[in-house]
Amino acid sequence: MNPMTYKGYAARIEYSEEDEAFIGRVAGIRDIVTFHGASVDEIRAAFHEAVDFYLSTCAERGEAPQKPYSGKLMLRVPPELHARAAMRAEAAGKSLNAWVAETLAKAV
């Protein structure tokens, strides 16, 4: 499933049986930005509106908006683990980055 994205931000959306509506939150930032809608079109429009409002509010306050996760992940691992991972990646015909991303995706 692909996340809903807008201006570099991603949405985490769930359905609330109690409210009979989709409830969303901008993912990947510490600030709490929420939105809701009764249909896919409504939740998409509300997501766009929430992101635009968040960005304009930050600008009005002179604050930098928080950025969503960049996709860059820096890790420190023991050299032996690094070597074994590099060997597994090479054996699979992949770069270490591609192999780790694939392995991590399977784990989460």
Protein backbone atom coordinates (compact mmCIF):
# COMPACT_ATOMS: atom_id res chain seq x y z
CA MET A 1 0.00 0.00 0.00
CA ASN A 2 1.39 3.41 -0.96
CA PRO A 3 1.01 6.26 1.51
CA MET A 4 -0.87 9.42 0.58
CA THR A 5 1.73 12.17 0.11
CA TYR A 6 1.64 15.92 -0.42
CA LYS A 7 4.51 18.44 -0.52
CA GLY A 8 6.90 15.82 0.82
CA TYR A 9 4.68 14.86 3.78
CA ALA A 10 3.01 11.48 4.21
CA ALA A 11 -0.34 10.72 5.81
CA ARG A 12 -1.15 7.97 8.28
CA ILE A 13 -4.85 7.25 7.87
CA GLU A 14 -7.16 4.96 9.84
CA TYR A 15 -10.88 4.40 9.75
CA SER A 16 -12.86 5.18 12.92
CA GLU A 17 -15.94 3.00 13.19
CA GLU A 18 -17.17 5.15 16.07
CA ASP A 19 -16.94 8.40 14.05
CA GLU A 20 -17.73 6.71 10.74
CA ALA A 21 -14.91 8.71 9.19
CA PHE A 22 -11.29 8.48 8.15
CA ILE A 23 -8.92 10.04 10.68
CA GLY A 24 -5.48 11.11 9.51
CA ARG A 25 -2.24 12.43 10.91
CA VAL A 26 0.85 13.75 9.17
CA ALA A 27 3.49 11.06 9.67
CA GLY A 28 7.19 11.48 10.26
CA ILE A 29 7.14 14.73 12.25
CA ARG A 30 6.87 15.44 15.97
CA ASP A 31 4.30 18.23 15.54
CA ILE A 32 0.75 16.94 15.68
CA VAL A 33 -1.14 17.69 12.46
CA THR A 34 -4.46 15.87 12.12
CA PHE A 35 -7.36 15.85 9.65
CA HIS A 36 -10.47 13.83 8.85
CA GLY A 37 -12.96 13.06 6.10
CA ALA A 38 -15.84 10.76 5.24
CA SER A 39 -14.48 9.64 1.85
CA VAL A 40 -11.18 9.23 0.08
CA ASP A 41 -11.70 12.52 -1.75
CA GLU A 42 -12.54 14.31 1.51
CA ILE A 43 -9.58 12.86 3.42
CA ARG A 44 -7.21 13.77 0.57
CA ALA A 45 -8.53 17.36 0.47
CA ALA A 46 -8.34 17.61 4.27
CA PHE A 47 -4.75 16.28 4.22
CA HIS A 48 -3.72 18.90 1.66
CA GLU A 49 -5.47 21.62 3.65
CA ALA A 50 -3.81 20.49 6.90
CA VAL A 51 -0.32 20.49 5.36
CA ASP A 52 -0.89 23.90 3.77
CA PHE A 53 -2.18 25.27 7.09
CA TYR A 54 0.79 23.78 8.97
CA LEU A 55 3.27 25.34 6.53
CA SER A 56 1.57 28.75 6.57
CA THR A 57 1.33 28.73 10.39
CA CYS A 58 5.04 27.94 10.66
CA ALA A 59 5.82 30.77 8.21
CA GLU A 60 3.66 33.23 10.17
CA ARG A 61 5.48 32.32 13.37
CA GLY A 62 8.88 32.52 11.71
CA GLU A 63 9.51 28.86 12.53
CA ALA A 64 10.93 26.24 10.22
CA PRO A 65 8.40 23.45 9.63
CA GLN A 66 9.55 20.03 10.67
CA LYS A 67 10.70 17.91 7.78
CA PRO A 68 9.48 14.36 7.29
CA TYR A 69 11.93 11.50 7.40
CA SER A 70 14.43 11.86 4.60
CA GLY A 71 14.89 8.19 3.84
CA LYS A 72 18.50 8.37 4.99
CA LEU A 73 19.32 6.10 7.88
CA MET A 74 22.76 6.16 9.47
CA LEU A 75 23.66 3.09 11.50
CA ARG A 76 26.63 1.99 13.53
CA VAL A 77 27.12 -1.76 13.49
CA PRO A 78 30.03 -3.99 14.45
CA PRO A 79 32.55 -4.39 11.61
CA GLU A 80 31.86 -8.14 11.47
CA LEU A 81 28.15 -7.53 10.85
CA HIS A 82 28.96 -4.92 8.21
CA ALA A 83 31.24 -7.40 6.43
CA ARG A 84 28.67 -10.22 6.56
CA ALA A 85 25.93 -7.94 5.25
CA ALA A 86 28.16 -6.76 2.42
CA MET A 87 28.90 -10.37 1.48
CA ARG A 88 25.19 -11.28 1.51
CA ALA A 89 24.41 -8.27 -0.66
CA GLU A 90 27.14 -9.16 -3.14
CA ALA A 91 25.96 -12.77 -3.27
CA ALA A 92 22.44 -11.50 -4.04
CA GLY A 93 23.80 -9.27 -6.80
CA LYS A 94 22.70 -6.10 -5.01
CA SER A 95 24.31 -3.05 -3.52
CA LEU A 96 24.59 -3.07 0.24
CA ASN A 97 22.06 -0.23 0.39
CA ALA A 98 19.51 -2.11 -1.74
CA TRP A 99 20.01 -5.32 0.23
CA VAL A 100 19.63 -3.61 3.62
CA ALA A 101 16.52 -1.70 2.44
CA GLU A 102 14.94 -4.93 1.19
CA THR A 103 15.84 -6.82 4.37
CA LEU A 104 14.53 -4.01 6.57
CA ALA A 105 11.28 -3.81 4.58
CA LYS A 106 10.71 -7.53 5.15
CA ALA A 107 11.33 -7.09 8.89
CA VAL A 108 8.87 -4.25 9.38
